[in-house]
Amino acid sequence: MKRVTGVGGIFFKAKDAPALRAWYQKHLGIDVQAWGGTAFRWDDGDGNPINGTTVWSISSGADEQVPDGHTFMINYRVDDLHSLIEVLREEGCDVLDKVDDSEHGKFGWVIDPEGNKVELWEPPAGE
C-alpha cells in the first residue's frame, strides 16, 4: 500500500503573520494571496501543468490548525486516507479520531513521536 505520495501543504503559525507574509513576498517572490498563502501549481518540468498543488500558508498565532506550542504543520498527500489511518492505528500510532470529508478532499491527522501534528490529505478525485 502506498502511504505518502507528496507534500500537499506547509502551514506556518506566526507572531506577526502579515509581516512574515510580506517578507516572503518581497524577498522570496511568493505570491501571497489575501487568504494568507498561495497554491503552487505543479508542472512536468517543461512548464506544462499537471494535476496537483502544494499549499503554502502563514496564519496568526490563534490558528487552531497548528497546535499550540508548534509553529508549523505539514500536510502530506495520500492515495487512500481511511486505509492508511487504519494501518497507522494498527501500528500503534497516535491517530486523531476526527476525519474531515469535504469538497477539498478527505483529511486525517496523526501525531508524530515529537508531538508534531501531521495532516494526511486524500485529494478529491481528479486532482
N, C-alpha and C. Protein backbone atom coordinates (compact mmCIF):
# COMPACT_ATOMS: atom_id res chain seq x y z
N MET A 1 0.84 -1.18 0.00
CA MET A 1 0.00 0.00 0.00
C MET A 1 0.88 1.24 0.00
N LYS A 2 0.60 2.17 -0.92
CA LYS A 2 1.30 3.45 -0.90
C LYS A 2 0.88 4.22 0.34
N ARG A 3 1.79 4.96 0.89
CA ARG A 3 1.47 5.79 2.05
C ARG A 3 1.48 7.25 1.60
N VAL A 4 2.53 7.99 1.83
CA VAL A 4 2.60 9.39 1.41
C VAL A 4 3.04 9.46 -0.05
N THR A 5 2.35 10.29 -0.84
CA THR A 5 2.68 10.43 -2.26
C THR A 5 3.25 11.81 -2.60
N GLY A 6 3.27 12.73 -1.65
CA GLY A 6 3.81 14.07 -1.89
C GLY A 6 3.44 15.02 -0.77
N VAL A 7 3.90 16.25 -0.88
CA VAL A 7 3.58 17.28 0.10
C VAL A 7 2.40 18.08 -0.44
N GLY A 8 1.31 18.10 0.32
CA GLY A 8 0.12 18.84 -0.08
C GLY A 8 0.12 20.27 0.42
N GLY A 9 0.79 20.52 1.54
CA GLY A 9 0.81 21.87 2.06
C GLY A 9 1.76 22.04 3.22
N ILE A 10 2.18 23.28 3.42
CA ILE A 10 3.02 23.66 4.56
C ILE A 10 2.35 24.85 5.21
N PHE A 11 2.06 24.73 6.49
CA PHE A 11 1.31 25.75 7.22
C PHE A 11 2.16 26.26 8.38
N PHE A 12 2.42 27.57 8.39
CA PHE A 12 3.19 28.22 9.44
C PHE A 12 2.25 28.98 10.36
N LYS A 13 2.61 29.05 11.62
CA LYS A 13 1.94 29.94 12.56
C LYS A 13 2.95 31.01 12.93
N ALA A 14 2.55 32.29 12.86
CA ALA A 14 3.48 33.39 13.09
C ALA A 14 2.95 34.36 14.14
N LYS A 15 3.88 34.99 14.86
CA LYS A 15 3.51 36.03 15.83
C LYS A 15 2.92 37.23 15.10
N ASP A 16 3.50 37.58 13.95
CA ASP A 16 3.04 38.71 13.14
C ASP A 16 2.87 38.20 11.71
N ALA A 17 1.74 37.54 11.46
CA ALA A 17 1.51 36.90 10.17
C ALA A 17 1.60 37.87 8.99
N PRO A 18 0.96 39.05 9.05
CA PRO A 18 1.07 39.96 7.90
C PRO A 18 2.52 40.36 7.59
N ALA A 19 3.31 40.61 8.61
CA ALA A 19 4.71 41.00 8.37
C ALA A 19 5.51 39.83 7.79
N LEU A 20 5.28 38.63 8.28
CA LEU A 20 6.02 37.48 7.76
C LEU A 20 5.60 37.17 6.32
N ARG A 21 4.30 37.28 6.03
CA ARG A 21 3.83 37.10 4.65
C ARG A 21 4.51 38.10 3.72
N ALA A 22 4.58 39.37 4.17
CA ALA A 22 5.20 40.43 3.36
C ALA A 22 6.67 40.13 3.12
N TRP A 23 7.37 39.61 4.13
CA TRP A 23 8.79 39.27 3.97
C TRP A 23 8.95 38.20 2.89
N TYR A 24 8.15 37.13 2.98
CA TYR A 24 8.25 36.06 1.98
C TYR A 24 7.89 36.57 0.58
N GLN A 25 6.93 37.46 0.51
CA GLN A 25 6.54 38.01 -0.79
C GLN A 25 7.66 38.88 -1.36
N LYS A 26 8.21 39.76 -0.55
CA LYS A 26 9.24 40.69 -1.02
C LYS A 26 10.55 39.98 -1.35
N HIS A 27 11.02 39.15 -0.44
CA HIS A 27 12.36 38.59 -0.57
C HIS A 27 12.43 37.27 -1.33
N LEU A 28 11.36 36.48 -1.29
CA LEU A 28 11.39 35.19 -1.98
C LEU A 28 10.42 35.12 -3.15
N GLY A 29 9.66 36.20 -3.36
CA GLY A 29 8.78 36.26 -4.52
C GLY A 29 7.56 35.37 -4.46
N ILE A 30 7.17 34.94 -3.26
CA ILE A 30 5.99 34.09 -3.13
C ILE A 30 4.74 34.96 -3.30
N ASP A 31 3.86 34.58 -4.18
CA ASP A 31 2.64 35.32 -4.49
C ASP A 31 1.59 35.08 -3.40
N VAL A 32 1.73 35.77 -2.28
CA VAL A 32 0.82 35.59 -1.15
C VAL A 32 -0.53 36.22 -1.47
N GLN A 33 -1.57 35.44 -1.39
CA GLN A 33 -2.93 35.88 -1.68
C GLN A 33 -3.60 36.46 -0.42
N ALA A 34 -4.75 37.07 -0.58
CA ALA A 34 -5.47 37.71 0.53
C ALA A 34 -5.81 36.73 1.65
N TRP A 35 -5.94 35.44 1.35
CA TRP A 35 -6.29 34.46 2.38
C TRP A 35 -5.08 34.04 3.22
N GLY A 36 -3.89 34.55 2.88
CA GLY A 36 -2.72 34.30 3.71
C GLY A 36 -1.71 33.32 3.15
N GLY A 37 -1.91 32.87 1.94
CA GLY A 37 -0.97 31.92 1.37
C GLY A 37 -1.08 31.86 -0.14
N THR A 38 -0.56 30.78 -0.69
CA THR A 38 -0.61 30.57 -2.13
C THR A 38 -0.71 29.08 -2.40
N ALA A 39 -1.07 28.75 -3.63
CA ALA A 39 -1.09 27.36 -4.06
C ALA A 39 -0.12 27.23 -5.23
N PHE A 40 0.97 26.53 -5.00
CA PHE A 40 1.94 26.30 -6.07
C PHE A 40 1.38 25.21 -6.98
N ARG A 41 1.22 25.54 -8.24
CA ARG A 41 0.73 24.58 -9.23
C ARG A 41 1.88 23.71 -9.69
N TRP A 42 1.60 22.43 -9.86
CA TRP A 42 2.62 21.50 -10.31
C TRP A 42 2.75 21.54 -11.82
N ASP A 43 3.98 21.29 -12.29
CA ASP A 43 4.18 21.13 -13.73
C ASP A 43 5.12 19.95 -13.96
N ASP A 44 5.29 19.61 -15.22
CA ASP A 44 6.07 18.42 -15.58
C ASP A 44 7.55 18.69 -15.78
N GLY A 45 8.02 19.87 -15.42
CA GLY A 45 9.42 20.20 -15.59
C GLY A 45 9.68 21.01 -16.86
N ASP A 46 8.78 20.86 -17.82
CA ASP A 46 8.85 21.66 -19.04
C ASP A 46 7.87 22.83 -18.98
N GLY A 47 7.23 22.99 -17.82
CA GLY A 47 6.28 24.07 -17.65
C GLY A 47 4.85 23.71 -18.00
N ASN A 48 4.62 22.47 -18.40
CA ASN A 48 3.26 22.03 -18.72
C ASN A 48 2.55 21.63 -17.43
N PRO A 49 1.36 22.22 -17.17
CA PRO A 49 0.67 21.92 -15.92
C PRO A 49 0.21 20.47 -15.83
N ILE A 50 0.29 19.94 -14.62
CA ILE A 50 -0.27 18.62 -14.32
C ILE A 50 -1.16 18.79 -13.10
N ASN A 51 -2.02 17.82 -12.83
CA ASN A 51 -2.93 17.92 -11.69
C ASN A 51 -2.15 17.90 -10.39
N GLY A 52 -2.39 18.91 -9.56
CA GLY A 52 -1.80 18.94 -8.24
C GLY A 52 -1.30 20.31 -7.85
N THR A 53 -1.36 20.56 -6.56
CA THR A 53 -0.87 21.81 -5.99
C THR A 53 -0.25 21.52 -4.64
N THR A 54 0.59 22.43 -4.19
CA THR A 54 1.08 22.42 -2.83
C THR A 54 0.72 23.77 -2.23
N VAL A 55 -0.05 23.75 -1.15
CA VAL A 55 -0.48 24.98 -0.49
C VAL A 55 0.60 25.42 0.48
N TRP A 56 0.81 26.71 0.56
CA TRP A 56 1.76 27.32 1.49
C TRP A 56 1.02 28.46 2.16
N SER A 57 1.00 28.48 3.51
CA SER A 57 0.18 29.46 4.20
C SER A 57 0.80 29.86 5.54
N ILE A 58 0.66 31.15 5.86
CA ILE A 58 1.08 31.68 7.17
C ILE A 58 -0.16 32.24 7.85
N SER A 59 -0.41 31.79 9.08
CA SER A 59 -1.57 32.25 9.83
C SER A 59 -1.14 32.88 11.14
N SER A 60 -2.09 33.49 11.81
CA SER A 60 -1.81 34.13 13.10
C SER A 60 -1.60 33.07 14.17
N GLY A 61 -1.10 33.50 15.31
CA GLY A 61 -0.87 32.60 16.43
C GLY A 61 -2.13 31.96 16.97
N ALA A 62 -3.29 32.51 16.62
CA ALA A 62 -4.56 31.98 17.13
C ALA A 62 -5.11 30.85 16.26
N ASP A 63 -4.44 30.50 15.19
CA ASP A 63 -4.90 29.46 14.28
C ASP A 63 -4.94 28.12 14.98
N GLU A 64 -6.08 27.46 14.93
CA GLU A 64 -6.24 26.15 15.59
C GLU A 64 -5.70 25.01 14.74
N GLN A 65 -5.41 25.27 13.46
CA GLN A 65 -4.92 24.21 12.59
C GLN A 65 -3.54 23.72 13.05
N VAL A 66 -2.71 24.66 13.49
CA VAL A 66 -1.39 24.33 14.01
C VAL A 66 -1.49 24.31 15.53
N PRO A 67 -1.14 23.20 16.18
CA PRO A 67 -1.32 23.09 17.64
C PRO A 67 -0.50 24.11 18.42
N ASP A 68 -0.99 24.45 19.60
CA ASP A 68 -0.24 25.34 20.49
C ASP A 68 1.13 24.76 20.76
N GLY A 69 2.12 25.65 20.85
CA GLY A 69 3.49 25.22 21.11
C GLY A 69 4.25 24.82 19.86
N HIS A 70 3.58 24.82 18.72
CA HIS A 70 4.21 24.46 17.45
C HIS A 70 4.07 25.62 16.48
N THR A 71 4.98 25.73 15.54
CA THR A 71 4.94 26.83 14.58
C THR A 71 4.64 26.37 13.15
N PHE A 72 4.49 25.08 12.94
CA PHE A 72 4.22 24.60 11.59
C PHE A 72 3.45 23.29 11.62
N MET A 73 2.85 22.97 10.49
CA MET A 73 2.25 21.66 10.26
C MET A 73 2.44 21.36 8.78
N ILE A 74 2.80 20.14 8.47
CA ILE A 74 2.94 19.72 7.07
C ILE A 74 1.77 18.82 6.72
N ASN A 75 1.23 19.03 5.54
CA ASN A 75 0.13 18.24 5.01
C ASN A 75 0.72 17.34 3.93
N TYR A 76 0.50 16.04 4.06
CA TYR A 76 1.01 15.07 3.09
C TYR A 76 -0.13 14.49 2.27
N ARG A 77 0.08 14.40 0.97
CA ARG A 77 -0.90 13.77 0.08
C ARG A 77 -0.83 12.25 0.27
N VAL A 78 -2.00 11.62 0.26
CA VAL A 78 -2.09 10.16 0.34
C VAL A 78 -3.13 9.67 -0.67
N ASP A 79 -3.04 8.41 -1.05
CA ASP A 79 -3.98 7.84 -2.02
C ASP A 79 -5.27 7.34 -1.38
N ASP A 80 -5.19 6.77 -0.18
CA ASP A 80 -6.35 6.15 0.46
C ASP A 80 -6.29 6.45 1.96
N LEU A 81 -6.89 7.58 2.35
CA LEU A 81 -6.80 8.06 3.73
C LEU A 81 -7.31 7.04 4.74
N HIS A 82 -8.51 6.50 4.51
CA HIS A 82 -9.10 5.60 5.51
C HIS A 82 -8.26 4.34 5.72
N SER A 83 -7.73 3.77 4.66
CA SER A 83 -6.88 2.58 4.80
C SER A 83 -5.58 2.92 5.54
N LEU A 84 -4.99 4.06 5.21
CA LEU A 84 -3.74 4.45 5.88
C LEU A 84 -3.99 4.70 7.37
N ILE A 85 -5.07 5.37 7.71
CA ILE A 85 -5.38 5.62 9.12
C ILE A 85 -5.53 4.30 9.87
N GLU A 86 -6.21 3.35 9.25
CA GLU A 86 -6.39 2.03 9.87
C GLU A 86 -5.04 1.36 10.13
N VAL A 87 -4.15 1.40 9.15
CA VAL A 87 -2.82 0.79 9.29
C VAL A 87 -2.03 1.52 10.38
N LEU A 88 -2.08 2.84 10.41
CA LEU A 88 -1.34 3.59 11.43
C LEU A 88 -1.83 3.25 12.83
N ARG A 89 -3.13 3.10 13.00
CA ARG A 89 -3.68 2.69 14.30
C ARG A 89 -3.17 1.30 14.69
N GLU A 90 -3.19 0.38 13.71
CA GLU A 90 -2.70 -0.98 13.97
C GLU A 90 -1.23 -0.97 14.38
N GLU A 91 -0.47 -0.01 13.85
CA GLU A 91 0.95 0.11 14.17
C GLU A 91 1.20 0.85 15.48
N GLY A 92 0.13 1.28 16.15
CA GLY A 92 0.26 1.94 17.45
C GLY A 92 0.49 3.43 17.39
N CYS A 93 0.26 4.05 16.23
CA CYS A 93 0.46 5.50 16.11
C CYS A 93 -0.67 6.25 16.80
N ASP A 94 -0.39 7.49 17.18
CA ASP A 94 -1.36 8.37 17.84
C ASP A 94 -2.17 9.07 16.75
N VAL A 95 -3.24 8.42 16.29
CA VAL A 95 -4.09 8.94 15.23
C VAL A 95 -5.30 9.63 15.87
N LEU A 96 -5.57 10.85 15.45
CA LEU A 96 -6.73 11.57 15.97
C LEU A 96 -8.00 10.93 15.43
N ASP A 97 -9.06 10.94 16.25
CA ASP A 97 -10.32 10.31 15.86
C ASP A 97 -11.02 11.04 14.72
N LYS A 98 -10.86 12.35 14.64
CA LYS A 98 -11.58 13.17 13.67
C LYS A 98 -11.06 12.93 12.25
N VAL A 99 -11.98 12.75 11.31
CA VAL A 99 -11.68 12.69 9.88
C VAL A 99 -12.65 13.64 9.20
N ASP A 100 -12.14 14.56 8.39
CA ASP A 100 -12.99 15.51 7.66
C ASP A 100 -13.11 15.07 6.22
N ASP A 101 -14.32 15.17 5.68
CA ASP A 101 -14.57 14.87 4.28
C ASP A 101 -15.31 16.06 3.70
N SER A 102 -14.68 16.77 2.76
CA SER A 102 -15.27 17.98 2.20
C SER A 102 -15.02 18.03 0.71
N GLU A 103 -15.45 19.12 0.08
CA GLU A 103 -15.20 19.29 -1.35
C GLU A 103 -13.71 19.42 -1.66
N HIS A 104 -12.90 19.68 -0.63
CA HIS A 104 -11.44 19.80 -0.80
C HIS A 104 -10.72 18.47 -0.62
N GLY A 105 -11.46 17.43 -0.28
CA GLY A 105 -10.88 16.11 -0.09
C GLY A 105 -11.12 15.58 1.31
N LYS A 106 -10.39 14.53 1.65
CA LYS A 106 -10.50 13.89 2.98
C LYS A 106 -9.25 14.23 3.77
N PHE A 107 -9.44 14.55 5.06
CA PHE A 107 -8.35 14.95 5.93
C PHE A 107 -8.36 14.12 7.21
N GLY A 108 -7.17 13.67 7.62
CA GLY A 108 -6.99 12.98 8.88
C GLY A 108 -5.68 13.44 9.49
N TRP A 109 -5.47 13.13 10.79
CA TRP A 109 -4.28 13.63 11.47
C TRP A 109 -3.67 12.56 12.34
N VAL A 110 -2.35 12.60 12.42
CA VAL A 110 -1.57 11.72 13.29
C VAL A 110 -0.54 12.60 14.00
N ILE A 111 -0.20 12.23 15.23
CA ILE A 111 0.81 12.95 15.98
C ILE A 111 2.09 12.14 15.93
N ASP A 112 3.19 12.77 15.50
CA ASP A 112 4.45 12.04 15.43
C ASP A 112 5.09 11.92 16.81
N PRO A 113 6.16 11.14 16.97
CA PRO A 113 6.76 10.93 18.29
C PRO A 113 7.28 12.20 18.97
N GLU A 114 7.50 13.28 18.22
CA GLU A 114 7.96 14.55 18.80
C GLU A 114 6.79 15.46 19.15
N GLY A 115 5.56 15.00 18.92
CA GLY A 115 4.38 15.79 19.24
C GLY A 115 3.91 16.69 18.12
N ASN A 116 4.48 16.56 16.92
CA ASN A 116 4.05 17.36 15.78
C ASN A 116 2.78 16.79 15.18
N LYS A 117 1.82 17.67 14.90
CA LYS A 117 0.59 17.27 14.24
C LYS A 117 0.87 17.16 12.74
N VAL A 118 0.58 16.01 12.16
CA VAL A 118 0.80 15.74 10.75
C VAL A 118 -0.56 15.56 10.10
N GLU A 119 -0.81 16.33 9.05
CA GLU A 119 -2.09 16.23 8.35
C GLU A 119 -1.93 15.31 7.15
N LEU A 120 -2.88 14.40 6.98
CA LEU A 120 -2.91 13.48 5.85
C LEU A 120 -4.10 13.89 4.98
N TRP A 121 -3.87 14.04 3.69
CA TRP A 121 -4.90 14.56 2.79
C TRP A 121 -5.04 13.68 1.56
N GLU A 122 -6.25 13.21 1.35
CA GLU A 122 -6.58 12.50 0.11
C GLU A 122 -7.33 13.49 -0.76
N PRO A 123 -6.70 13.97 -1.83
CA PRO A 123 -7.35 14.97 -2.69
C PRO A 123 -8.62 14.41 -3.32
N PRO A 124 -9.51 15.32 -3.74
CA PRO A 124 -10.70 14.86 -4.47
C PRO A 124 -10.28 14.15 -5.76
N ALA A 125 -11.13 13.30 -6.25
CA ALA A 125 -10.83 12.58 -7.49
C ALA A 125 -10.49 13.56 -8.61
N GLY A 126 -9.44 13.25 -9.36
CA GLY A 126 -9.04 14.06 -10.50
C GLY A 126 -8.09 15.19 -10.17
N GLU A 127 -7.71 15.36 -8.91
CA GLU A 127 -6.77 16.43 -8.57
C GLU A 127 -5.42 15.88 -8.24
